[in-house]
Amino acid sequence: MGIVYQKDKRSGITYAYESKAYWDKEKKQSRAKRKLIGRVDEATGEIVPTDGRVRKARERAAEPDYKALYEQAMARIAELEAELAELRG
């Protein structure tokens, strides 16, 4: 078991992976399984832990609160109906 560093060409970020070798009986070859440890800080060379799901977490955080939007819409509709009732007299 060892640590492998791989640089993402698009973003320029270097990631650290834990690499574990195992024997593939079918192919009769050595293979490796990798697990993400984190990204490497360029200034210090330290590995900053990450779970690799930052983008998904941001997308979930950006999702609107549908219940609150519904309640706001219903309150606005009630206001408009009250104004319309006043106008009709």
PDB file of N, CA and C in Angstrom:
ATOM      1  N   MET A   1       0.853  -1.172   0.000  1.00  0.00           N
ATOM      2  CA  MET A   1       0.000   0.000   0.000  1.00  0.00           C
ATOM      3  C   MET A   1       0.900   1.236   0.000  1.00  0.00           C
ATOM      4  N   GLY A   2       0.519   2.210  -0.856  1.00  0.00           N
ATOM      5  CA  GLY A   2       1.314   3.421  -0.938  1.00  0.00           C
ATOM      6  C   GLY A   2       0.459   4.605  -1.331  1.00  0.00           C
ATOM      7  N   ILE A   3       1.073   5.759  -1.398  1.00  0.00           N
ATOM      8  CA  ILE A   3       0.363   6.976  -1.780  1.00  0.00           C
ATOM      9  C   ILE A   3       0.797   7.365  -3.186  1.00  0.00           C
ATOM     10  N   VAL A   4      -0.191   7.630  -4.036  1.00  0.00           N
ATOM     11  CA  VAL A   4       0.052   8.014  -5.420  1.00  0.00           C
ATOM     12  C   VAL A   4      -0.459   9.432  -5.602  1.00  0.00           C
ATOM     13  N   TYR A   5       0.335  10.275  -6.270  1.00  0.00           N
ATOM     14  CA  TYR A   5      -0.058  11.651  -6.554  1.00  0.00           C
ATOM     15  C   TYR A   5      -0.406  11.762  -8.034  1.00  0.00           C
ATOM     16  N   GLN A   6      -1.557  12.367  -8.329  1.00  0.00           N
ATOM     17  CA  GLN A   6      -1.973  12.530  -9.713  1.00  0.00           C
ATOM     18  C   GLN A   6      -2.457  13.958  -9.925  1.00  0.00           C
ATOM     19  N   LYS A   7      -1.933  14.608 -10.972  1.00  0.00           N
ATOM     20  CA  LYS A   7      -2.293  15.997 -11.257  1.00  0.00           C
ATOM     21  C   LYS A   7      -3.410  16.038 -12.290  1.00  0.00           C
ATOM     22  N   ASP A   8      -4.448  16.809 -11.999  1.00  0.00           N
ATOM     23  CA  ASP A   8      -5.549  17.020 -12.933  1.00  0.00           C
ATOM     24  C   ASP A   8      -5.101  18.086 -13.934  1.00  0.00           C
ATOM     25  N   LYS A   9      -5.033  17.717 -15.199  1.00  0.00           N
ATOM     26  CA  LYS A   9      -4.527  18.637 -16.221  1.00  0.00           C
ATOM     27  C   LYS A   9      -5.450  19.839 -16.431  1.00  0.00           C
ATOM     28  N   ARG A  10      -6.761  19.628 -16.284  1.00  0.00           N
ATOM     29  CA  ARG A  10      -7.714  20.719 -16.513  1.00  0.00           C
ATOM     30  C   ARG A  10      -7.643  21.781 -15.434  1.00  0.00           C
ATOM     31  N   SER A  11      -7.634  21.341 -14.167  1.00  0.00           N
ATOM     32  CA  SER A  11      -7.670  22.314 -13.071  1.00  0.00           C
ATOM     33  C   SER A  11      -6.283  22.626 -12.502  1.00  0.00           C
ATOM     34  N   GLY A  12      -5.315  21.755 -12.745  1.00  0.00           N
ATOM     35  CA  GLY A  12      -3.981  21.962 -12.201  1.00  0.00           C
ATOM     36  C   GLY A  12      -3.844  21.528 -10.754  1.00  0.00           C
ATOM     37  N   ILE A  13      -4.872  20.881 -10.214  1.00  0.00           N
ATOM     38  CA  ILE A  13      -4.860  20.437  -8.819  1.00  0.00           C
ATOM     39  C   ILE A  13      -4.249  19.038  -8.743  1.00  0.00           C
ATOM     40  N   THR A  14      -3.396  18.832  -7.748  1.00  0.00           N
ATOM     41  CA  THR A  14      -2.803  17.518  -7.527  1.00  0.00           C
ATOM     42  C   THR A  14      -3.576  16.817  -6.415  1.00  0.00           C
ATOM     43  N   TYR A  15      -3.986  15.576  -6.688  1.00  0.00           N
ATOM     44  CA  TYR A  15      -4.741  14.777  -5.725  1.00  0.00           C
ATOM     45  C   TYR A  15      -3.878  13.637  -5.217  1.00  0.00           C
ATOM     46  N   ALA A  16      -4.113  13.230  -3.974  1.00  0.00           N
ATOM     47  CA  ALA A  16      -3.394  12.111  -3.373  1.00  0.00           C
ATOM     48  C   ALA A  16      -4.351  10.935  -3.221  1.00  0.00           C
ATOM     49  N   TYR A  17      -3.902   9.767  -3.649  1.00  0.00           N
ATOM     50  CA  TYR A  17      -4.698   8.554  -3.570  1.00  0.00           C
ATOM     51  C   TYR A  17      -3.945   7.495  -2.781  1.00  0.00           C
ATOM     52  N   GLU A  18      -4.709   6.664  -2.063  1.00  0.00           N
ATOM     53  CA  GLU A  18      -4.131   5.504  -1.404  1.00  0.00           C
ATOM     54  C   GLU A  18      -4.262   4.354  -2.402  1.00  0.00           C
ATOM     55  N   SER A  19      -3.155   3.748  -2.772  1.00  0.00           N
ATOM     56  CA  SER A  19      -3.155   2.698  -3.776  1.00  0.00           C
ATOM     57  C   SER A  19      -2.867   1.353  -3.117  1.00  0.00           C
ATOM     58  N   LYS A  20      -3.718   0.369  -3.419  1.00  0.00           N
ATOM     59  CA  LYS A  20      -3.546  -0.959  -2.845  1.00  0.00           C
ATOM     60  C   LYS A  20      -3.516  -1.972  -3.983  1.00  0.00           C
ATOM     61  N   ALA A  21      -2.443  -2.742  -4.081  1.00  0.00           N
ATOM     62  CA  ALA A  21      -2.285  -3.722  -5.149  1.00  0.00           C
ATOM     63  C   ALA A  21      -3.001  -5.027  -4.783  1.00  0.00           C
ATOM     64  N   TYR A  22      -3.562  -5.693  -5.806  1.00  0.00           N
ATOM     65  CA  TYR A  22      -4.172  -7.006  -5.617  1.00  0.00           C
ATOM     66  C   TYR A  22      -3.964  -7.825  -6.889  1.00  0.00           C
ATOM     67  N   TRP A  23      -4.133  -9.133  -6.779  1.00  0.00           N
ATOM     68  CA  TRP A  23      -3.932 -10.031  -7.915  1.00  0.00           C
ATOM     69  C   TRP A  23      -5.274 -10.352  -8.571  1.00  0.00           C
ATOM     70  N   ASP A  24      -5.365 -10.077  -9.875  1.00  0.00           N
ATOM     71  CA  ASP A  24      -6.563 -10.393 -10.650  1.00  0.00           C
ATOM     72  C   ASP A  24      -6.394 -11.808 -11.196  1.00  0.00           C
ATOM     73  N   LYS A  25      -7.175 -12.751 -10.670  1.00  0.00           N
ATOM     74  CA  LYS A  25      -7.038 -14.153 -11.049  1.00  0.00           C
ATOM     75  C   LYS A  25      -7.433 -14.401 -12.502  1.00  0.00           C
ATOM     76  N   GLU A  26      -8.452 -13.688 -12.976  1.00  0.00           N
ATOM     77  CA  GLU A  26      -8.901 -13.871 -14.359  1.00  0.00           C
ATOM     78  C   GLU A  26      -7.831 -13.464 -15.365  1.00  0.00           C
ATOM     79  N   LYS A  27      -7.308 -12.275 -15.201  1.00  0.00           N
ATOM     80  CA  LYS A  27      -6.319 -11.748 -16.145  1.00  0.00           C
ATOM     81  C   LYS A  27      -4.889 -12.163 -15.811  1.00  0.00           C
ATOM     82  N   LYS A  28      -4.738 -12.750 -14.623  1.00  0.00           N
ATOM     83  CA  LYS A  28      -3.427 -13.178 -14.145  1.00  0.00           C
ATOM     84  C   LYS A  28      -2.419 -12.023 -14.186  1.00  0.00           C
ATOM     85  N   GLN A  29      -2.885 -10.896 -13.658  1.00  0.00           N
ATOM     86  CA  GLN A  29      -2.053  -9.696 -13.604  1.00  0.00           C
ATOM     87  C   GLN A  29      -2.277  -8.985 -12.283  1.00  0.00           C
ATOM     88  N   SER A  30      -1.304  -8.187 -11.906  1.00  0.00           N
ATOM     89  CA  SER A  30      -1.439  -7.353 -10.722  1.00  0.00           C
ATOM     90  C   SER A  30      -2.271  -6.123 -11.094  1.00  0.00           C
ATOM     91  N   ARG A  31      -3.172  -5.754 -10.238  1.00  0.00           N
ATOM     92  CA  ARG A  31      -4.016  -4.571 -10.445  1.00  0.00           C
ATOM     93  C   ARG A  31      -3.946  -3.706  -9.192  1.00  0.00           C
ATOM     94  N   ALA A  32      -4.458  -2.478  -9.304  1.00  0.00           N
ATOM     95  CA  ALA A  32      -4.444  -1.572  -8.152  1.00  0.00           C
ATOM     96  C   ALA A  32      -5.823  -0.966  -7.934  1.00  0.00           C
ATOM     97  N   LYS A  33      -6.190  -0.836  -6.673  1.00  0.00           N
ATOM     98  CA  LYS A  33      -7.406  -0.120  -6.300  1.00  0.00           C
ATOM     99  C   LYS A  33      -6.952   1.167  -5.638  1.00  0.00           C
ATOM    100  N   ARG A  34      -7.599   2.278  -6.035  1.00  0.00           N
ATOM    101  CA  ARG A  34      -7.236   3.573  -5.466  1.00  0.00           C
ATOM    102  C   ARG A  34      -8.398   4.165  -4.695  1.00  0.00           C
ATOM    103  N   LYS A  35      -8.040   4.842  -3.617  1.00  0.00           N
ATOM    104  CA  LYS A  35      -9.038   5.536  -2.803  1.00  0.00           C
ATOM    105  C   LYS A  35      -8.545   6.964  -2.601  1.00  0.00           C
ATOM    106  N   LEU A  36      -9.417   7.939  -2.881  1.00  0.00           N
ATOM    107  CA  LEU A  36      -9.045   9.346  -2.750  1.00  0.00           C
ATOM    108  C   LEU A  36      -8.815   9.711  -1.284  1.00  0.00           C
ATOM    109  N   ILE A  37      -7.657  10.302  -1.019  1.00  0.00           N
ATOM    110  CA  ILE A  37      -7.345  10.792   0.329  1.00  0.00           C
ATOM    111  C   ILE A  37      -7.683  12.276   0.410  1.00  0.00           C
ATOM    112  N   GLY A  38      -7.209  13.037  -0.583  1.00  0.00           N
ATOM    113  CA  GLY A  38      -7.459  14.473  -0.574  1.00  0.00           C
ATOM    114  C   GLY A  38      -6.644  15.176  -1.629  1.00  0.00           C
ATOM    115  N   ARG A  39      -6.699  16.490  -1.609  1.00  0.00           N
ATOM    116  CA  ARG A  39      -5.911  17.272  -2.561  1.00  0.00           C
ATOM    117  C   ARG A  39      -4.644  17.773  -1.877  1.00  0.00           C
ATOM    118  N   VAL A  40      -3.625  17.982  -2.685  1.00  0.00           N
ATOM    119  CA  VAL A  40      -2.324  18.408  -2.160  1.00  0.00           C
ATOM    120  C   VAL A  40      -2.234  19.924  -2.223  1.00  0.00           C
ATOM    121  N   ASP A  41      -1.923  20.539  -1.064  1.00  0.00           N
ATOM    122  CA  ASP A  41      -1.743  21.986  -0.995  1.00  0.00           C
ATOM    123  C   ASP A  41      -0.391  22.318  -1.611  1.00  0.00           C
ATOM    124  N   GLU A  42      -0.395  23.141  -2.651  1.00  0.00           N
ATOM    125  CA  GLU A  42       0.843  23.452  -3.378  1.00  0.00           C
ATOM    126  C   GLU A  42       1.857  24.201  -2.522  1.00  0.00           C
ATOM    127  N   ALA A  43       1.390  25.063  -1.649  1.00  0.00           N
ATOM    128  CA  ALA A  43       2.296  25.881  -0.837  1.00  0.00           C
ATOM    129  C   ALA A  43       3.034  25.047   0.207  1.00  0.00           C
ATOM    130  N   THR A  44       2.314  24.191   0.906  1.00  0.00           N
ATOM    131  CA  THR A  44       2.912  23.436   2.008  1.00  0.00           C
ATOM    132  C   THR A  44       3.241  21.992   1.647  1.00  0.00           C
ATOM    133  N   GLY A  45       2.592  21.462   0.599  1.00  0.00           N
ATOM    134  CA  GLY A  45       2.780  20.054   0.240  1.00  0.00           C
ATOM    135  C   GLY A  45       1.960  19.116   1.099  1.00  0.00           C
ATOM    136  N   GLU A  46       1.106  19.681   1.945  1.00  0.00           N
ATOM    137  CA  GLU A  46       0.254  18.904   2.834  1.00  0.00           C
ATOM    138  C   GLU A  46      -0.937  18.339   2.084  1.00  0.00           C
ATOM    139  N   ILE A  47      -1.430  17.171   2.509  1.00  0.00           N
ATOM    140  CA  ILE A  47      -2.625  16.578   1.928  1.00  0.00           C
ATOM    141  C   ILE A  47      -3.828  17.070   2.728  1.00  0.00           C
ATOM    142  N   VAL A  48      -4.745  17.778   2.047  1.00  0.00           N
ATOM    143  CA  VAL A  48      -5.953  18.289   2.683  1.00  0.00           C
ATOM    144  C   VAL A  48      -7.074  17.285   2.415  1.00  0.00           C
ATOM    145  N   PRO A  49      -7.605  16.640   3.464  1.00  0.00           N
ATOM    146  CA  PRO A  49      -8.620  15.598   3.260  1.00  0.00           C
ATOM    147  C   PRO A  49      -9.865  16.116   2.545  1.00  0.00           C
ATOM    148  N   THR A  50     -10.415  15.291   1.687  1.00  0.00           N
ATOM    149  CA  THR A  50     -11.653  15.599   0.988  1.00  0.00           C
ATOM    150  C   THR A  50     -12.372  14.291   0.699  1.00  0.00           C
ATOM    151  N   ASP A  51     -13.690  14.369   0.548  1.00  0.00           N
ATOM    152  CA  ASP A  51     -14.432  13.147   0.228  1.00  0.00           C
ATOM    153  C   ASP A  51     -14.706  13.036  -1.267  1.00  0.00           C
ATOM    154  N   GLY A  52     -14.283  14.050  -2.049  1.00  0.00           N
ATOM    155  CA  GLY A  52     -14.443  13.987  -3.491  1.00  0.00           C
ATOM    156  C   GLY A  52     -15.834  14.305  -3.979  1.00  0.00           C
ATOM    157  N   ARG A  53     -16.689  14.834  -3.101  1.00  0.00           N
ATOM    158  CA  ARG A  53     -18.070  15.103  -3.501  1.00  0.00           C
ATOM    159  C   ARG A  53     -18.439  16.570  -3.319  1.00  0.00           C
ATOM    160  N   VAL A  54     -17.496  17.442  -3.448  1.00  0.00           N
ATOM    161  CA  VAL A  54     -17.753  18.864  -3.231  1.00  0.00           C
ATOM    162  C   VAL A  54     -18.770  19.392  -4.227  1.00  0.00           C
ATOM    163  N   ARG A  55     -18.612  19.053  -5.486  1.00  0.00           N
ATOM    164  CA  ARG A  55     -19.508  19.565  -6.521  1.00  0.00           C
ATOM    165  C   ARG A  55     -20.955  19.136  -6.244  1.00  0.00           C
ATOM    166  N   LYS A  56     -21.162  17.874  -5.856  1.00  0.00           N
ATOM    167  CA  LYS A  56     -22.503  17.392  -5.579  1.00  0.00           C
ATOM    168  C   LYS A  56     -23.107  18.100  -4.361  1.00  0.00           C
ATOM    169  N   ALA A  57     -22.298  18.356  -3.353  1.00  0.00           N
ATOM    170  CA  ALA A  57     -22.782  19.048  -2.158  1.00  0.00           C
ATOM    171  C   ALA A  57     -23.214  20.465  -2.503  1.00  0.00           C
ATOM    172  N   ARG A  58     -22.466  21.131  -3.372  1.00  0.00           N
ATOM    173  CA  ARG A  58     -22.838  22.483  -3.786  1.00  0.00           C
ATOM    174  C   ARG A  58     -24.156  22.479  -4.541  1.00  0.00           C
ATOM    175  N   GLU A  59     -24.356  21.488  -5.405  1.00  0.00           N
ATOM    176  CA  GLU A  59     -25.592  21.402  -6.169  1.00  0.00           C
ATOM    177  C   GLU A  59     -26.790  21.195  -5.235  1.00  0.00           C
ATOM    178  N   ARG A  60     -26.602  20.341  -4.221  1.00  0.00           N
ATOM    179  CA  ARG A  60     -27.691  20.112  -3.270  1.00  0.00           C
ATOM    180  C   ARG A  60     -28.000  21.370  -2.470  1.00  0.00           C
ATOM    181  N   ALA A  61     -26.976  22.114  -2.097  1.00  0.00           N
ATOM    182  CA  ALA A  61     -27.155  23.340  -1.322  1.00  0.00           C
ATOM    183  C   ALA A  61     -27.868  24.407  -2.156  1.00  0.00           C
ATOM    184  N   ALA A  62     -27.670  24.388  -3.456  1.00  0.00           N
ATOM    185  CA  ALA A  62     -28.269  25.386  -4.336  1.00  0.00           C
ATOM    186  C   ALA A  62     -29.728  25.067  -4.658  1.00  0.00           C
ATOM    187  N   GLU A  63     -30.200  23.882  -4.322  1.00  0.00           N
ATOM    188  CA  GLU A  63     -31.579  23.495  -4.611  1.00  0.00           C
ATOM    189  C   GLU A  63     -32.541  24.344  -3.780  1.00  0.00           C
ATOM    190  N   PRO A  64     -33.564  24.913  -4.408  1.00  0.00           N
ATOM    191  CA  PRO A  64     -34.475  25.800  -3.671  1.00  0.00           C
ATOM    192  C   PRO A  64     -35.347  25.038  -2.668  1.00  0.00           C
ATOM    193  N   ASP A  65     -35.831  25.768  -1.685  1.00  0.00           N
ATOM    194  CA  ASP A  65     -36.736  25.217  -0.684  1.00  0.00           C
ATOM    195  C   ASP A  65     -38.151  25.322  -1.258  1.00  0.00           C
ATOM    196  N   TYR A  66     -38.629  24.216  -1.821  1.00  0.00           N
ATOM    197  CA  TYR A  66     -39.910  24.228  -2.526  1.00  0.00           C
ATOM    198  C   TYR A  66     -41.091  24.521  -1.600  1.00  0.00           C
ATOM    199  N   LYS A  67     -41.031  24.060  -0.372  1.00  0.00           N
ATOM    200  CA  LYS A  67     -42.123  24.303   0.574  1.00  0.00           C
ATOM    201  C   LYS A  67     -42.261  25.803   0.853  1.00  0.00           C
ATOM    202  N   ALA A  68     -41.137  26.484   1.066  1.00  0.00           N
ATOM    203  CA  ALA A  68     -41.172  27.919   1.333  1.00  0.00           C
ATOM    204  C   ALA A  68     -41.674  28.681   0.110  1.00  0.00           C
ATOM    205  N   LEU A  69     -41.235  28.273  -1.080  1.00  0.00           N
ATOM    206  CA  LEU A  69     -41.709  28.920  -2.307  1.00  0.00           C
ATOM    207  C   LEU A  69     -43.215  28.746  -2.474  1.00  0.00           C
ATOM    208  N   TYR A  70     -43.711  27.556  -2.176  1.00  0.00           N
ATOM    209  CA  TYR A  70     -45.147  27.284  -2.272  1.00  0.00           C
ATOM    210  C   TYR A  70     -45.935  28.160  -1.298  1.00  0.00           C
ATOM    211  N   GLU A  71     -45.440  28.251  -0.065  1.00  0.00           N
ATOM    212  CA  GLU A  71     -46.130  29.064   0.940  1.00  0.00           C
ATOM    213  C   GLU A  71     -46.145  30.540   0.550  1.00  0.00           C
ATOM    214  N   GLN A  72     -45.038  31.046  -0.026  1.00  0.00           N
ATOM    215  CA  GLN A  72     -44.989  32.431  -0.480  1.00  0.00           C
ATOM    216  C   GLN A  72     -45.992  32.664  -1.608  1.00  0.00           C
ATOM    217  N   ALA A  73     -46.062  31.728  -2.526  1.00  0.00           N
ATOM    218  CA  ALA A  73     -46.993  31.851  -3.657  1.00  0.00           C
ATOM    219  C   ALA A  73     -48.438  31.846  -3.158  1.00  0.00           C
ATOM    220  N   MET A  74     -48.752  30.975  -2.223  1.00  0.00           N
ATOM    221  CA  MET A  74     -50.114  30.900  -1.694  1.00  0.00           C
ATOM    222  C   MET A  74     -50.474  32.185  -0.941  1.00  0.00           C
ATOM    223  N   ALA A  75     -49.533  32.750  -0.210  1.00  0.00           N
ATOM    224  CA  ALA A  75     -49.795  34.006   0.505  1.00  0.00           C
ATOM    225  C   ALA A  75     -50.053  35.134  -0.486  1.00  0.00           C
ATOM    226  N   ARG A  76     -49.279  35.188  -1.558  1.00  0.00           N
ATOM    227  CA  ARG A  76     -49.470  36.223  -2.586  1.00  0.00           C
ATOM    228  C   ARG A  76     -50.824  36.066  -3.277  1.00  0.00           C
ATOM    229  N   ILE A  77     -51.223  34.834  -3.560  1.00  0.00           N
ATOM    230  CA  ILE A  77     -52.525  34.577  -4.175  1.00  0.00           C
ATOM    231  C   ILE A  77     -53.643  35.038  -3.254  1.00  0.00           C
ATOM    232  N   ALA A  78     -53.513  34.773  -1.952  1.00  0.00           N
ATOM    233  CA  ALA A  78     -54.529  35.199  -0.989  1.00  0.00           C
ATOM    234  C   ALA A  78     -54.630  36.726  -0.966  1.00  0.00           C
ATOM    235  N   GLU A  79     -53.493  37.433  -1.023  1.00  0.00           N
ATOM    236  CA  GLU A  79     -53.503  38.900  -1.064  1.00  0.00           C
ATOM    237  C   GLU A  79     -54.220  39.412  -2.309  1.00  0.00           C
ATOM    238  N   LEU A  80     -53.902  38.827  -3.453  1.00  0.00           N
ATOM    239  CA  LEU A  80     -54.522  39.250  -4.704  1.00  0.00           C
ATOM    240  C   LEU A  80     -56.019  38.984  -4.715  1.00  0.00           C
ATOM    241  N   GLU A  81     -56.462  37.854  -4.150  1.00  0.00           N
ATOM    242  CA  GLU A  81     -57.892  37.553  -4.071  1.00  0.00           C
ATOM    243  C   GLU A  81     -58.603  38.553  -3.161  1.00  0.00           C
ATOM    244  N   ALA A  82     -57.953  38.979  -2.064  1.00  0.00           N
ATOM    245  CA  ALA A  82     -58.539  39.957  -1.161  1.00  0.00           C
ATOM    246  C   ALA A  82     -58.675  41.313  -1.868  1.00  0.00           C
ATOM    247  N   GLU A  83     -57.662  41.713  -2.632  1.00  0.00           N
ATOM    248  CA  GLU A  83     -57.738  42.969  -3.391  1.00  0.00           C
ATOM    249  C   GLU A  83     -58.854  42.906  -4.431  1.00  0.00           C
ATOM    250  N   LEU A  84     -58.972  41.767  -5.089  1.00  0.00           N
ATOM    251  CA  LEU A  84     -60.003  41.608  -6.117  1.00  0.00           C
ATOM    252  C   LEU A  84     -61.400  41.672  -5.483  1.00  0.00           C
ATOM    253  N   ALA A  85     -61.566  41.099  -4.292  1.00  0.00           N
ATOM    254  CA  ALA A  85     -62.844  41.133  -3.598  1.00  0.00           C
ATOM    255  C   ALA A  85     -63.225  42.562  -3.207  1.00  0.00           C
ATOM    256  N   GLU A  86     -62.209  43.362  -2.803  1.00  0.00           N
ATOM    257  CA  GLU A  86     -62.444  44.770  -2.465  1.00  0.00           C
ATOM    258  C   GLU A  86     -62.908  45.562  -3.691  1.00  0.00           C
ATOM    259  N   LEU A  87     -62.259  45.304  -4.804  1.00  0.00           N
ATOM    260  CA  LEU A  87     -62.612  46.022  -6.042  1.00  0.00           C
ATOM    261  C   LEU A  87     -64.024  45.674  -6.514  1.00  0.00           C
ATOM    262  N   ARG A  88     -64.413  44.453  -6.327  1.00  0.00           N
ATOM    263  CA  ARG A  88     -65.764  44.024  -6.750  1.00  0.00           C
ATOM    264  C   ARG A  88     -66.833  44.579  -5.807  1.00  0.00           C
ATOM    265  N   GLY A  89     -66.421  44.819  -4.617  1.00  0.00           N
ATOM    266  CA  GLY A  89     -67.240  45.507  -3.729  1.00  0.00           C
ATOM    267  C   GLY A  89     -68.167  45.059  -2.791  1.00  0.00           C
TER     268      GLY A  89
END
